Amino acid sequence: MYLFLIVYEEVLEGEVTSLVERLRIERYIKWDEVKGEWKEKHMGTHVWPGEYHSILAMVEEGEATRLKEEIRKLRQRFPADEIWGWMVPLQEVI
């Protein structure tokens, strides 16, 4: 079992939502209007416009592998937009 964190620019909302639905990921939490800095600052202000969104999913190994591959494809299709994924082994759910 893995925790998979996806952080992406709001412009990719439709693509990521479609991905989650297509892969039938059922155990996740989504946060909108996440502020931060990676390649660029996105603070939701006129000085630093835009925001990130994020999804934290609990997935089986096969789902994690497919999710990783699909995020790589999105990065290739949309090189100007920011999207990342982090895959971490899940030890325990309390």
N, C-alpha and C. Protein backbone atom coordinates (compact mmCIF):
# COMPACT_ATOMS: atom_id res chain seq x y z
N MET A 1 0.85 -1.17 0.00
CA MET A 1 0.00 0.00 0.00
C MET A 1 0.90 1.24 0.00
N TYR A 2 0.46 2.26 -0.72
CA TYR A 2 1.23 3.50 -0.85
C TYR A 2 0.36 4.72 -0.60
N LEU A 3 0.99 5.77 -0.12
CA LEU A 3 0.39 7.10 -0.15
C LEU A 3 0.98 7.78 -1.37
N PHE A 4 0.12 8.34 -2.18
CA PHE A 4 0.55 9.00 -3.40
C PHE A 4 0.05 10.43 -3.34
N LEU A 5 0.97 11.39 -3.33
CA LEU A 5 0.63 12.80 -3.29
C LEU A 5 0.84 13.40 -4.67
N ILE A 6 -0.19 14.05 -5.18
CA ILE A 6 -0.12 14.75 -6.46
C ILE A 6 -0.33 16.23 -6.18
N VAL A 7 0.58 17.05 -6.65
CA VAL A 7 0.44 18.51 -6.55
C VAL A 7 0.52 19.05 -7.96
N TYR A 8 -0.42 19.94 -8.31
CA TYR A 8 -0.50 20.41 -9.68
C TYR A 8 -1.09 21.81 -9.74
N GLU A 9 -0.75 22.52 -10.83
CA GLU A 9 -1.32 23.85 -11.06
C GLU A 9 -2.80 23.72 -11.36
N GLU A 10 -3.56 24.73 -10.95
CA GLU A 10 -5.02 24.68 -11.12
C GLU A 10 -5.44 24.51 -12.57
N VAL A 11 -4.62 24.94 -13.51
CA VAL A 11 -4.96 24.80 -14.93
C VAL A 11 -5.09 23.33 -15.35
N LEU A 12 -4.49 22.42 -14.59
CA LEU A 12 -4.55 20.99 -14.90
C LEU A 12 -5.68 20.26 -14.17
N GLU A 13 -6.57 21.00 -13.53
CA GLU A 13 -7.65 20.39 -12.74
C GLU A 13 -8.44 19.35 -13.53
N GLY A 14 -8.88 19.69 -14.72
CA GLY A 14 -9.67 18.77 -15.53
C GLY A 14 -8.90 17.51 -15.89
N GLU A 15 -7.64 17.67 -16.24
CA GLU A 15 -6.81 16.51 -16.60
C GLU A 15 -6.62 15.57 -15.42
N VAL A 16 -6.34 16.13 -14.25
CA VAL A 16 -6.08 15.30 -13.08
C VAL A 16 -7.38 14.65 -12.59
N THR A 17 -8.48 15.38 -12.61
CA THR A 17 -9.77 14.80 -12.23
C THR A 17 -10.11 13.63 -13.15
N SER A 18 -9.91 13.80 -14.44
CA SER A 18 -10.15 12.70 -15.39
C SER A 18 -9.26 11.51 -15.10
N LEU A 19 -8.02 11.77 -14.76
CA LEU A 19 -7.08 10.70 -14.44
C LEU A 19 -7.55 9.89 -13.23
N VAL A 20 -7.95 10.58 -12.17
CA VAL A 20 -8.42 9.91 -10.96
C VAL A 20 -9.66 9.07 -11.27
N GLU A 21 -10.56 9.61 -12.06
CA GLU A 21 -11.77 8.86 -12.43
C GLU A 21 -11.44 7.67 -13.32
N ARG A 22 -10.58 7.89 -14.31
CA ARG A 22 -10.22 6.83 -15.25
C ARG A 22 -9.53 5.65 -14.55
N LEU A 23 -8.67 5.96 -13.57
CA LEU A 23 -7.97 4.91 -12.84
C LEU A 23 -8.80 4.35 -11.68
N ARG A 24 -9.98 4.92 -11.48
CA ARG A 24 -10.91 4.49 -10.43
C ARG A 24 -10.27 4.51 -9.04
N ILE A 25 -9.59 5.60 -8.76
CA ILE A 25 -9.00 5.78 -7.43
C ILE A 25 -10.12 6.21 -6.50
N GLU A 26 -10.33 5.43 -5.45
CA GLU A 26 -11.49 5.65 -4.59
C GLU A 26 -11.14 6.22 -3.22
N ARG A 27 -9.91 6.06 -2.77
CA ARG A 27 -9.53 6.53 -1.44
C ARG A 27 -8.57 7.70 -1.58
N TYR A 28 -9.14 8.90 -1.54
CA TYR A 28 -8.28 10.08 -1.67
C TYR A 28 -8.91 11.28 -0.97
N ILE A 29 -8.06 12.25 -0.71
CA ILE A 29 -8.46 13.55 -0.17
C ILE A 29 -7.93 14.59 -1.13
N LYS A 30 -8.76 15.59 -1.45
CA LYS A 30 -8.37 16.63 -2.40
C LYS A 30 -8.41 17.98 -1.70
N TRP A 31 -7.36 18.76 -1.93
CA TRP A 31 -7.30 20.13 -1.43
C TRP A 31 -7.22 21.08 -2.61
N ASP A 32 -8.08 22.07 -2.63
CA ASP A 32 -8.02 23.13 -3.63
C ASP A 32 -7.37 24.36 -3.00
N GLU A 33 -6.97 25.27 -3.84
CA GLU A 33 -6.42 26.56 -3.40
C GLU A 33 -5.22 26.39 -2.47
N VAL A 34 -4.31 25.52 -2.86
CA VAL A 34 -3.08 25.31 -2.10
C VAL A 34 -2.05 26.31 -2.59
N LYS A 35 -1.42 27.00 -1.68
CA LYS A 35 -0.44 28.01 -2.05
C LYS A 35 0.96 27.46 -1.80
N GLY A 36 1.91 27.88 -2.64
CA GLY A 36 3.26 27.40 -2.45
C GLY A 36 4.20 27.87 -3.55
N GLU A 37 5.42 27.41 -3.45
CA GLU A 37 6.44 27.76 -4.43
C GLU A 37 7.24 26.52 -4.77
N TRP A 38 7.37 26.26 -6.05
CA TRP A 38 8.22 25.18 -6.53
C TRP A 38 9.04 25.78 -7.65
N LYS A 39 8.60 25.63 -8.89
CA LYS A 39 9.26 26.35 -9.98
C LYS A 39 8.91 27.83 -9.92
N GLU A 40 7.66 28.11 -9.61
CA GLU A 40 7.16 29.48 -9.52
C GLU A 40 6.31 29.61 -8.27
N LYS A 41 6.11 30.85 -7.82
CA LYS A 41 5.20 31.08 -6.70
C LYS A 41 3.78 31.12 -7.22
N HIS A 42 2.89 30.46 -6.50
CA HIS A 42 1.46 30.51 -6.78
C HIS A 42 0.76 30.75 -5.45
N MET A 43 0.43 32.03 -5.21
CA MET A 43 -0.14 32.43 -3.93
C MET A 43 -1.57 32.95 -4.03
N GLY A 44 -2.16 32.90 -5.23
CA GLY A 44 -3.53 33.36 -5.39
C GLY A 44 -3.69 34.86 -5.25
N THR A 45 -2.64 35.62 -5.54
CA THR A 45 -2.71 37.09 -5.45
C THR A 45 -2.41 37.69 -6.81
N HIS A 46 -2.61 39.00 -6.93
CA HIS A 46 -2.29 39.64 -8.21
C HIS A 46 -0.78 39.67 -8.45
N VAL A 47 0.01 39.66 -7.40
CA VAL A 47 1.47 39.64 -7.55
C VAL A 47 1.94 38.24 -7.95
N TRP A 48 1.44 37.22 -7.27
CA TRP A 48 1.78 35.83 -7.57
C TRP A 48 0.48 35.07 -7.86
N PRO A 49 -0.03 35.20 -9.09
CA PRO A 49 -1.32 34.60 -9.42
C PRO A 49 -1.27 33.08 -9.50
N GLY A 50 -2.45 32.50 -9.46
CA GLY A 50 -2.57 31.05 -9.58
C GLY A 50 -2.42 30.36 -8.25
N GLU A 51 -2.86 29.13 -8.22
CA GLU A 51 -2.76 28.30 -7.03
C GLU A 51 -2.53 26.86 -7.46
N TYR A 52 -2.11 26.08 -6.51
CA TYR A 52 -1.97 24.65 -6.73
C TYR A 52 -3.20 23.94 -6.19
N HIS A 53 -3.37 22.72 -6.60
CA HIS A 53 -4.34 21.80 -6.02
C HIS A 53 -3.55 20.56 -5.65
N SER A 54 -4.07 19.77 -4.74
CA SER A 54 -3.35 18.54 -4.39
C SER A 54 -4.33 17.42 -4.07
N ILE A 55 -3.87 16.21 -4.29
CA ILE A 55 -4.63 15.00 -3.99
C ILE A 55 -3.70 14.05 -3.24
N LEU A 56 -4.18 13.54 -2.13
CA LEU A 56 -3.46 12.51 -1.39
C LEU A 56 -4.29 11.24 -1.48
N ALA A 57 -3.74 10.23 -2.12
CA ALA A 57 -4.47 8.98 -2.36
C ALA A 57 -3.78 7.82 -1.66
N MET A 58 -4.59 6.89 -1.19
CA MET A 58 -4.09 5.64 -0.64
C MET A 58 -4.36 4.58 -1.70
N VAL A 59 -3.28 4.00 -2.25
CA VAL A 59 -3.42 3.11 -3.40
C VAL A 59 -2.60 1.83 -3.23
N GLU A 60 -3.04 0.80 -3.91
CA GLU A 60 -2.29 -0.46 -3.96
C GLU A 60 -1.10 -0.28 -4.90
N GLU A 61 -0.17 -1.21 -4.87
CA GLU A 61 1.06 -1.09 -5.66
C GLU A 61 0.77 -0.93 -7.15
N GLY A 62 -0.13 -1.72 -7.71
CA GLY A 62 -0.45 -1.62 -9.13
C GLY A 62 -1.04 -0.27 -9.49
N GLU A 63 -1.92 0.24 -8.62
CA GLU A 63 -2.50 1.57 -8.86
C GLU A 63 -1.42 2.64 -8.81
N ALA A 64 -0.49 2.51 -7.87
CA ALA A 64 0.59 3.48 -7.73
C ALA A 64 1.45 3.51 -8.98
N THR A 65 1.74 2.34 -9.52
CA THR A 65 2.54 2.26 -10.74
C THR A 65 1.84 2.94 -11.90
N ARG A 66 0.54 2.66 -12.07
CA ARG A 66 -0.22 3.29 -13.16
C ARG A 66 -0.31 4.81 -12.96
N LEU A 67 -0.53 5.23 -11.73
CA LEU A 67 -0.62 6.65 -11.43
C LEU A 67 0.70 7.36 -11.75
N LYS A 68 1.79 6.73 -11.39
CA LYS A 68 3.12 7.29 -11.68
C LYS A 68 3.33 7.44 -13.19
N GLU A 69 2.95 6.43 -13.94
CA GLU A 69 3.10 6.49 -15.40
C GLU A 69 2.23 7.59 -16.01
N GLU A 70 1.01 7.72 -15.53
CA GLU A 70 0.10 8.72 -16.07
C GLU A 70 0.54 10.14 -15.73
N ILE A 71 1.10 10.34 -14.57
CA ILE A 71 1.61 11.68 -14.21
C ILE A 71 2.80 12.03 -15.10
N ARG A 72 3.64 11.07 -15.38
CA ARG A 72 4.76 11.32 -16.30
C ARG A 72 4.25 11.72 -17.68
N LYS A 73 3.18 11.07 -18.14
CA LYS A 73 2.58 11.44 -19.44
C LYS A 73 2.03 12.86 -19.41
N LEU A 74 1.37 13.23 -18.31
CA LEU A 74 0.85 14.59 -18.20
C LEU A 74 1.98 15.62 -18.22
N ARG A 75 3.08 15.30 -17.56
CA ARG A 75 4.23 16.22 -17.57
C ARG A 75 4.78 16.41 -18.98
N GLN A 76 4.75 15.35 -19.78
CA GLN A 76 5.22 15.45 -21.17
C GLN A 76 4.23 16.23 -22.03
N ARG A 77 2.93 16.01 -21.81
CA ARG A 77 1.90 16.70 -22.60
C ARG A 77 1.80 18.18 -22.26
N PHE A 78 2.08 18.54 -21.01
CA PHE A 78 1.93 19.92 -20.55
C PHE A 78 3.23 20.39 -19.88
N PRO A 79 4.31 20.53 -20.65
CA PRO A 79 5.60 20.86 -20.05
C PRO A 79 5.65 22.24 -19.39
N ALA A 80 4.79 23.16 -19.80
CA ALA A 80 4.80 24.50 -19.21
C ALA A 80 4.07 24.54 -17.87
N ASP A 81 3.29 23.52 -17.57
CA ASP A 81 2.50 23.50 -16.33
C ASP A 81 3.13 22.56 -15.32
N GLU A 82 2.98 22.91 -14.06
CA GLU A 82 3.63 22.15 -13.00
C GLU A 82 2.72 21.04 -12.47
N ILE A 83 3.25 19.84 -12.43
CA ILE A 83 2.58 18.70 -11.79
C ILE A 83 3.66 17.74 -11.29
N TRP A 84 3.50 17.26 -10.06
CA TRP A 84 4.45 16.31 -9.48
C TRP A 84 3.69 15.24 -8.73
N GLY A 85 4.35 14.12 -8.57
CA GLY A 85 3.80 13.04 -7.76
C GLY A 85 4.87 12.50 -6.82
N TRP A 86 4.47 12.17 -5.61
CA TRP A 86 5.35 11.55 -4.63
C TRP A 86 4.70 10.26 -4.17
N MET A 87 5.46 9.20 -4.19
CA MET A 87 4.96 7.87 -3.82
C MET A 87 5.72 7.41 -2.59
N VAL A 88 4.99 7.14 -1.50
CA VAL A 88 5.61 6.78 -0.23
C VAL A 88 4.96 5.50 0.31
N PRO A 89 5.75 4.51 0.71
CA PRO A 89 5.15 3.30 1.29
C PRO A 89 4.33 3.65 2.54
N LEU A 90 3.18 3.05 2.65
CA LEU A 90 2.29 3.28 3.78
C LEU A 90 2.46 2.13 4.78
N GLN A 91 2.88 2.46 5.98
CA GLN A 91 3.11 1.42 6.98
C GLN A 91 1.85 1.00 7.70
N GLU A 92 1.00 1.97 8.03
CA GLU A 92 -0.14 1.64 8.87
C GLU A 92 -1.22 2.70 8.74
N VAL A 93 -2.47 2.27 8.81
CA VAL A 93 -3.61 3.18 8.87
C VAL A 93 -4.22 3.01 10.26
N ILE A 94 -4.37 4.11 10.96
CA ILE A 94 -4.87 4.05 12.34
C ILE A 94 -6.31 4.55 12.39
